C-alpha cells in the first residue's frame, strides 16, 4: 500500500509564516536605515538636485514656449536659467543694498539699546532692591556663557552660509542641464514602465505639476506677506519698514518658527527707536494679522491645494527632515513628503501609506484632478 505524502503540521506552518514575516521586517528595517544613511551622508548633493529639479519644473513651461517660438533648445534652456539668475540676484542685491544702509544706523541702535538697559536696571533697583552692580555681574556672566556657545554657533552659521552659497552657484548650472536633457529624461522614464501602463511617467508628470504649483504658491505667499507686512510697518512709522517686511516674508518659508523669527527684528527696532513699547506690540499685531490671513485664506488656496498632506504627517515630516537636513530639510519637508505620497498612491502595495499621509488628494490616480498626460 502506497504511503500518503506527509503534510506539515500547524505549528510548522505557523513558524514558517512567522519567520517569513520576521525576515520581511528585517529587510524593510535595513532598507530604511540604508536610505536614511545615504540621505544624511549625501545631504549636499541631494539638496542640490532636489532644488534644481524644482526650479527646472518651474521653468519647463517657459522653456517649451520658447521652443515653440523656434528657439533652439540650448538657447531656450540658457534663457530660462538666466531669468532665474536675474530674479535671484535682483532680490539679493536689493536686500544687500538695504542692509548696507541699515548698518549705518547700528551705532545709534546700540546706544539706544544701552539706554534701555540702563533704564531697566534703574527700574529693577528701585522696584526689587537689586543693585546695578549685581545686575551688571549677572549680565556679564550670561554674556560670557552666550559668547562661548555663540562662537561655535557663528562658526557653524558661517560654514553653513558658505556651503549654501556654493550650492546656490551650482543650482542654475544643474537646472540648465536638466532642461537641456529633458527629452532624454522623458525617454528614460518612459522606458522604465514595466507593464506598458505608463505608471512611471504619470508619477513624474504629477511630481512636476506638484513641484511647480508648490513653488509658485510659496513665491505668491512671500509676495503677499512682504506687501502686507511692509504696509503694516509703514503705518507704524517704523524705520526700514520695507526691508523688515521683505525679511519677515522670506523667513516665513521656515514653517512654524519662521514668522516669529521675522517678527523679532522689527519688534526690537520698534522697541529701541520708539518712545512707547506699544509700537513693539503693534509689530507683533501686524505679524499676527498677516499670519492669520495667510494661514486661513492664502496658503490653503495657493499652497495647500498643491500638496495634500494632513497636519499630523506635515509635523512628523518637518521633524524628520529637519533632523536629517537641518534648515533646508524644514523648507523642503512638505514638497518631498508630497512627492513620496504620489509614489505611494501609484504602487498598489504602498497605497495604504499614501492614504495615511493624505488629506484631500489632489494629484495621482483616482482623484478628481486628471492625471497629467505624457507630453511629447
Protein backbone atom coordinates (compact mmCIF):
# COMPACT_ATOMS: atom_id res chain seq x y z
CA UNK A 1 0.00 0.00 0.00
CA UNK A 2 1.45 3.37 -1.07
CA UNK A 3 2.30 5.82 1.69
CA UNK A 4 0.44 9.12 1.74
CA UNK A 5 2.63 12.26 1.48
CA UNK A 6 3.21 13.87 4.81
CA UNK A 7 1.74 17.33 5.36
CA UNK A 8 3.34 19.99 7.55
CA UNK A 9 1.80 20.37 10.96
CA UNK A 10 0.00 23.54 12.05
CA UNK A 11 2.91 24.57 14.30
CA UNK A 12 5.39 24.18 11.46
CA UNK A 13 3.24 26.34 9.16
CA UNK A 14 2.91 28.96 11.88
CA UNK A 15 6.67 29.03 12.49
CA UNK A 16 7.33 29.26 8.75
CA UNK A 17 4.94 32.21 8.42
CA UNK A 18 6.47 33.91 11.46
CA UNK A 19 9.98 33.50 10.07
CA UNK A 20 8.87 34.95 6.72
CA UNK A 21 7.30 37.97 8.46
CA UNK A 22 10.41 38.46 10.58
CA UNK A 23 12.66 38.32 7.51
CA UNK A 24 10.44 40.82 5.71
CA UNK A 25 10.54 43.15 8.73
CA UNK A 26 14.34 42.91 8.98
CA UNK A 27 14.75 43.62 5.25
CA UNK A 28 12.43 46.65 5.43
CA UNK A 29 14.24 47.94 8.52
CA UNK A 30 17.63 47.55 6.83
CA UNK A 31 16.32 49.31 3.72
CA UNK A 32 15.06 52.25 5.82
CA UNK A 33 18.35 52.52 7.73
CA UNK A 34 20.36 52.39 4.50
CA UNK A 35 18.13 55.04 2.87
CA UNK A 36 18.39 57.42 5.84
CA UNK A 37 22.17 56.92 5.97
CA UNK A 38 22.56 57.70 2.27
CA UNK A 39 20.34 60.78 2.55
CA UNK A 40 22.33 62.05 5.56
CA UNK A 41 25.76 61.42 4.04
CA UNK A 42 24.80 62.84 0.65
CA UNK A 43 22.87 65.82 2.09
CA UNK A 44 24.56 68.49 -0.06
CA UNK A 45 24.17 66.53 -3.28
CA UNK A 46 20.52 65.60 -2.69
CA UNK A 47 19.54 69.14 -1.67
CA UNK A 48 21.26 70.47 -4.79
CA UNK A 49 19.49 68.00 -7.09
CA UNK A 50 16.13 68.49 -5.42
CA UNK A 51 16.19 72.31 -5.55
CA UNK A 52 17.49 72.28 -9.13
CA UNK A 53 14.75 69.82 -10.05
CA UNK A 54 12.04 72.07 -8.60
CA UNK A 55 13.40 75.09 -10.49
CA UNK A 56 13.60 73.08 -13.71
CA UNK A 57 9.95 72.04 -13.30
CA UNK A 58 9.04 75.70 -12.72
CA UNK A 59 10.93 76.90 -15.81
CA UNK A 60 9.85 73.99 -18.03
CA UNK A 61 6.68 75.66 -19.44
CA UNK A 62 8.63 78.84 -20.27
CA UNK A 63 11.37 76.80 -21.94
CA UNK A 64 8.81 74.88 -24.02
CA UNK A 65 7.15 78.13 -25.07
CA UNK A 66 10.48 79.47 -26.33
CA UNK A 67 10.98 76.21 -28.25
CA UNK A 68 7.58 76.60 -29.88
CA UNK A 69 8.66 80.05 -30.99
CA UNK A 70 11.51 78.43 -32.90
CA UNK A 71 14.32 78.88 -30.38
CA UNK A 72 16.91 76.08 -30.21
CA UNK A 73 16.78 74.00 -27.05
CA UNK A 74 20.15 75.19 -25.70
CA UNK A 75 19.15 78.85 -26.11
CA UNK A 76 15.71 78.31 -24.55
CA UNK A 77 17.26 76.49 -21.56
CA UNK A 78 20.01 79.10 -21.06
CA UNK A 79 17.49 81.97 -21.31
CA UNK A 80 15.25 80.30 -18.73
CA UNK A 81 18.17 79.88 -16.33
CA UNK A 82 19.29 83.47 -16.99
CA UNK A 83 15.82 84.65 -15.97
CA UNK A 84 16.18 82.65 -12.74
CA UNK A 85 19.57 84.26 -12.06
CA UNK A 86 18.27 87.78 -12.73
CA UNK A 87 15.41 87.34 -10.25
CA UNK A 88 17.65 85.72 -7.62
CA UNK A 89 20.45 88.28 -7.79
CA UNK A 90 17.89 91.08 -8.03
CA UNK A 91 16.44 90.10 -4.67
CA UNK A 92 19.92 89.59 -3.17
CA UNK A 93 21.09 92.98 -4.46
CA UNK A 94 18.02 94.73 -3.04
CA UNK A 95 18.48 93.12 0.38
CA UNK A 96 22.23 93.84 0.36
CA UNK A 97 21.65 97.49 -0.55
CA UNK A 98 19.00 97.90 2.14
CA UNK A 99 21.07 96.15 4.82
CA UNK A 100 24.09 98.30 3.91
CA UNK A 101 22.04 101.41 4.72
CA UNK A 102 20.68 99.69 7.80
CA UNK A 103 24.24 99.04 9.00
CA UNK A 104 24.91 102.79 9.18
CA UNK A 105 22.31 103.10 11.94
CA UNK A 106 23.73 100.28 14.07
CA UNK A 107 25.74 102.64 16.36
CA UNK A 108 22.58 104.63 17.09
CA UNK A 109 20.65 101.42 17.75
CA UNK A 110 23.44 100.19 20.02
CA UNK A 111 23.31 103.46 22.00
CA UNK A 112 19.53 103.15 22.27
CA UNK A 113 19.88 99.56 23.49
CA UNK A 114 22.35 100.64 26.19
CA UNK A 115 19.99 103.41 27.27
CA UNK A 116 17.13 100.94 27.51
CA UNK A 117 19.26 98.58 29.59
CA UNK A 118 20.25 101.43 31.93
CA UNK A 119 16.64 102.47 32.44
CA UNK A 120 15.66 98.86 33.03
CA UNK A 121 18.41 98.45 35.63
CA UNK A 122 17.27 101.60 37.42
CA UNK A 123 13.69 100.29 37.49
CA UNK A 124 14.76 96.91 38.88
CA UNK A 125 16.88 98.57 41.57
CA UNK A 126 14.04 100.81 42.72
CA UNK A 127 11.39 98.12 42.48
CA UNK A 128 13.14 94.95 43.70
CA UNK A 129 16.20 96.37 45.54
CA UNK A 130 18.62 94.64 43.18
CA UNK A 131 21.69 96.84 42.82
CA UNK A 132 23.04 97.77 39.39
CA UNK A 133 26.30 96.05 40.31
CA UNK A 134 24.51 92.74 40.88
CA UNK A 135 22.59 93.17 37.66
CA UNK A 136 25.76 94.01 35.73
CA UNK A 137 27.55 90.97 37.16
CA UNK A 138 24.66 88.73 36.17
CA UNK A 139 24.51 90.23 32.68
CA UNK A 140 28.28 89.84 32.21
CA UNK A 141 28.08 86.22 33.34
CA UNK A 142 25.26 85.45 30.94
CA UNK A 143 27.01 87.28 28.10
CA UNK A 144 30.19 85.28 28.72
CA UNK A 145 28.33 81.97 28.56
CA UNK A 146 26.46 83.19 25.49
CA UNK A 147 29.73 84.15 23.82
CA UNK A 148 31.19 80.69 24.49
CA UNK A 149 28.22 78.91 22.95
CA UNK A 150 27.69 81.60 20.34
CA UNK A 151 31.22 81.27 18.96
CA UNK A 152 30.63 77.72 17.83
CA UNK A 153 27.17 78.71 16.61
CA UNK A 154 28.56 81.56 14.50
CA UNK A 155 31.26 79.34 13.05
CA UNK A 156 28.64 76.78 12.13
CA UNK A 157 26.43 79.52 10.68
CA UNK A 158 29.25 80.94 8.55
CA UNK A 159 30.19 77.45 7.40
CA UNK A 160 26.59 76.65 6.52
CA UNK A 161 26.21 80.00 4.76
CA UNK A 162 29.35 79.37 2.70
CA UNK A 163 28.15 75.91 1.76
CA UNK A 164 24.71 77.31 0.87
CA UNK A 165 26.25 79.98 -1.37
CA UNK A 166 28.48 77.43 -3.07
CA UNK A 167 25.44 75.24 -3.67
CA UNK A 168 23.41 78.23 -4.92
CA UNK A 169 26.05 78.92 -7.57
CA UNK A 170 25.82 75.36 -8.90
CA UNK A 171 21.99 75.20 -8.89
CA UNK A 172 21.48 77.25 -12.12
CA UNK A 173 24.07 75.09 -13.91
CA UNK A 174 22.35 71.86 -12.88
CA UNK A 175 18.97 73.40 -13.76
CA UNK A 176 20.29 74.27 -17.24
CA UNK A 177 21.40 70.69 -17.91
CA UNK A 178 18.12 69.28 -16.57
CA UNK A 179 16.24 71.47 -19.06
CA UNK A 180 18.70 70.64 -21.82
CA UNK A 181 18.27 66.89 -21.24
CA UNK A 182 14.52 66.91 -20.60
CA UNK A 183 13.83 64.81 -23.71
CA UNK A 184 16.36 62.18 -22.69
CA UNK A 185 14.95 62.04 -19.16
CA UNK A 186 11.43 61.63 -20.52
CA UNK A 187 12.55 58.73 -22.70
CA UNK A 188 14.39 57.22 -19.72
CA UNK A 189 11.27 57.31 -17.51
CA UNK A 190 9.13 56.04 -20.37
CA UNK A 191 11.41 53.01 -20.77
CA UNK A 192 11.17 52.28 -17.02
CA UNK A 193 7.50 51.32 -17.23
CA UNK A 194 7.13 47.64 -16.68
CA UNK A 195 3.67 46.73 -17.98
CA UNK A 196 3.14 49.44 -20.57
CA UNK A 197 0.63 51.32 -18.40
CA UNK A 198 2.79 54.46 -18.15
CA UNK A 199 2.76 54.45 -14.34
CA UNK A 200 6.29 55.84 -14.00
CA UNK A 201 5.59 58.64 -16.47
CA UNK A 202 2.37 59.51 -14.66
CA UNK A 203 4.23 59.84 -11.37
CA UNK A 204 6.91 62.02 -12.96
CA UNK A 205 4.33 64.31 -14.59
CA UNK A 206 2.35 64.62 -11.37
CA UNK A 207 5.53 65.38 -9.39
CA UNK A 208 6.37 68.04 -11.96
CA UNK A 209 2.92 69.56 -11.56
CA UNK A 210 3.11 69.43 -7.76
CA UNK A 211 6.60 71.00 -7.66
CA UNK A 212 5.59 73.81 -10.00
CA UNK A 213 2.44 74.66 -8.07
CA UNK A 214 4.18 74.42 -4.69
CA UNK A 215 7.00 76.78 -5.67
CA UNK A 216 4.63 79.23 -7.35
CA UNK A 217 2.44 79.11 -4.25
CA UNK A 218 5.37 79.76 -1.90
CA UNK A 219 6.52 82.73 -4.00
CA UNK A 220 2.96 84.10 -4.08
CA UNK A 221 2.69 83.83 -0.29
CA UNK A 222 6.05 85.57 0.13
CA UNK A 223 4.94 88.45 -2.10
CA UNK A 224 1.61 88.71 -0.26
CA UNK A 225 3.28 88.81 3.16
CA UNK A 226 6.02 91.21 2.02
CA UNK A 227 3.38 93.72 0.85
CA UNK A 228 1.14 93.41 3.92
CA UNK A 229 3.99 93.42 6.46
CA UNK A 230 5.59 96.43 4.77
CA UNK A 231 2.29 98.33 4.78
CA UNK A 232 1.79 97.49 8.46
CA UNK A 233 5.30 98.58 9.43
CA UNK A 234 4.95 101.79 7.39
CA UNK A 235 1.68 102.54 9.19
CA UNK A 236 3.56 102.20 12.50
CA UNK A 237 6.21 104.63 11.25
CA UNK A 238 8.94 102.01 11.56
CA UNK A 239 12.36 102.71 10.07
CA UNK A 240 13.34 100.40 7.17
CA UNK A 241 9.76 99.12 7.04
CA UNK A 242 10.06 97.64 3.53
CA UNK A 243 13.33 95.85 4.33
CA UNK A 244 11.86 94.39 7.52
CA UNK A 245 8.67 93.37 5.70
CA UNK A 246 10.58 91.58 2.94
CA UNK A 247 12.84 89.87 5.51
CA UNK A 248 9.83 88.66 7.51
CA UNK A 249 8.24 87.31 4.32
CA UNK A 250 11.40 85.40 3.37
CA UNK A 251 11.74 83.91 6.86
CA UNK A 252 8.11 82.79 6.61
CA UNK A 253 9.36 79.98 4.34
CA UNK A 254 10.59 78.23 7.51
CA UNK A 255 7.45 76.50 8.83
CA UNK A 256 6.06 77.41 12.27
CA UNK A 257 9.10 79.30 13.68
CA UNK A 258 9.87 81.44 10.63
CA UNK A 259 7.10 84.04 11.09
CA UNK A 260 8.15 84.80 14.65
CA UNK A 261 11.82 84.94 13.73
CA UNK A 262 10.77 87.54 11.17
CA UNK A 263 8.91 89.47 13.89
CA UNK A 264 11.90 89.65 16.25
CA UNK A 265 13.96 92.26 14.40
CA UNK A 266 11.13 94.74 13.65
CA UNK A 267 9.84 94.40 17.23
CA UNK A 268 13.34 95.08 18.59
CA UNK A 269 13.80 98.10 16.32
CA UNK A 270 10.39 99.46 17.33
CA UNK A 271 11.32 98.98 20.98
CA UNK A 272 14.62 100.83 20.54
CA UNK A 273 13.55 103.67 18.26
CA UNK A 274 10.07 104.50 19.55
CA UNK A 275 9.06 106.16 22.80
CA UNK A 276 6.42 103.58 23.68
CA UNK A 277 6.57 99.82 23.94
CA UNK A 278 3.16 99.74 22.27
CA UNK A 279 4.91 100.04 18.89
CA UNK A 280 6.64 96.71 19.52
CA UNK A 281 3.27 95.20 20.40
CA UNK A 282 1.95 96.77 17.21
CA UNK A 283 4.62 94.91 15.23
CA UNK A 284 3.53 91.64 16.82
CA UNK A 285 -0.05 92.55 15.98
CA UNK A 286 0.85 93.12 12.32
CA UNK A 287 2.60 89.74 12.14
CA UNK A 288 -0.32 88.03 13.88
CA UNK A 289 -2.89 89.54 11.49
CA UNK A 290 -0.90 88.71 8.36
CA UNK A 291 -0.28 85.18 9.62
CA UNK A 292 -4.00 84.75 10.30
CA UNK A 293 -4.84 85.86 6.77
CA UNK A 294 -2.08 83.69 5.31
CA UNK A 295 -2.89 80.53 7.27
CA UNK A 296 -6.64 80.71 6.76
CA UNK A 297 -7.07 82.19 3.29
CA UNK A 298 -3.88 82.41 1.22
CA UNK A 299 -1.79 79.32 1.94
CA UNK A 300 -4.74 76.86 1.82
CA UNK A 301 -5.62 78.20 -1.64
CA UNK A 302 -2.24 78.61 -3.33
CA UNK A 303 -0.02 76.10 -1.48
CA UNK A 304 -2.31 73.71 0.40
CA UNK A 305 -4.14 72.83 -2.80
CA UNK A 306 -0.93 71.52 -4.37
CA UNK A 307 0.40 69.34 -1.52
CA UNK A 308 -2.35 67.18 0.00
CA UNK A 309 -0.64 66.18 3.27
CA UNK A 310 -2.57 66.04 6.54
CA UNK A 311 -1.38 68.14 9.52
CA UNK A 312 -0.01 65.19 11.53
CA UNK A 313 2.03 63.95 8.58
CA UNK A 314 3.27 67.51 7.98
CA UNK A 315 4.52 67.88 11.54
CA UNK A 316 6.24 64.49 11.51
CA UNK A 317 7.78 65.28 8.12
CA UNK A 318 9.09 68.62 9.39
CA UNK A 319 10.68 66.98 12.42
CA UNK A 320 12.19 64.11 10.42
CA UNK A 321 13.58 66.15 7.51
CA UNK A 322 14.72 68.90 9.89
CA UNK A 323 16.75 66.36 11.86
CA UNK A 324 18.13 64.94 8.61
CA UNK A 325 18.93 68.08 6.57
CA UNK A 326 18.63 70.95 9.05
CA UNK A 327 17.17 74.23 7.78
CA UNK A 328 16.88 73.04 4.17
CA UNK A 329 15.09 69.95 5.44
CA UNK A 330 12.49 72.16 7.16
CA UNK A 331 11.95 74.15 3.96
CA UNK A 332 11.74 71.12 1.66
CA UNK A 333 9.93 68.71 4.00
CA UNK A 334 6.41 69.37 2.70
CA UNK A 335 7.10 69.04 -1.06
CA UNK A 336 9.31 65.98 -0.52
CA UNK A 337 6.58 64.29 1.52
CA UNK A 338 4.02 65.22 -1.13
CA UNK A 339 6.15 63.58 -3.81
CA UNK A 340 6.59 60.47 -1.69
CA UNK A 341 2.80 60.30 -1.34
CA UNK A 342 2.39 60.45 -5.12
CA UNK A 343 4.72 57.45 -5.46
CA UNK A 344 2.84 55.55 -2.73
CA UNK A 345 -0.51 56.26 -4.44
CA UNK A 346 0.72 54.66 -7.67
CA UNK A 347 2.11 51.43 -6.12
CA UNK A 348 -0.67 49.05 -5.01
CA UNK A 349 1.29 47.60 -2.09
CA UNK A 350 2.05 51.11 -0.72
CA UNK A 351 -1.35 52.73 -1.25
CA UNK A 352 -2.30 52.42 2.46
CA UNK A 353 0.77 54.55 3.32
CA UNK A 354 -0.27 57.12 0.75
CA UNK A 355 -3.75 57.15 2.27
CA UNK A 356 -2.47 57.73 5.82
CA UNK A 357 -0.28 60.61 4.62
CA UNK A 358 -3.01 62.27 2.59
CA UNK A 359 -5.61 64.84 3.44
CA UNK A 360 -7.74 65.69 0.42
CA UNK A 361 -5.93 64.12 -2.54
CA UNK A 362 -5.33 66.48 -5.46
CA UNK A 363 -2.89 64.53 -7.58
CA UNK A 364 -2.48 60.98 -8.66
CA UNK A 365 -4.61 58.11 -9.79
CA UNK A 366 -8.27 58.03 -8.88
CA UNK A 367 -8.56 61.68 -7.77
CA UNK A 368 -10.75 64.49 -9.08
CA UNK A 369 -7.81 66.04 -10.87
CA UNK A 370 -6.99 64.22 -14.07
CA UNK A 371 -3.58 62.76 -14.39
CA UNK A 372 -1.22 64.74 -16.50
CA UNK A 373 -0.84 63.11 -19.86
CA UNK A 374 2.67 62.37 -21.08
CA UNK A 375 3.81 65.24 -23.24
CA UNK A 376 5.55 64.59 -26.49
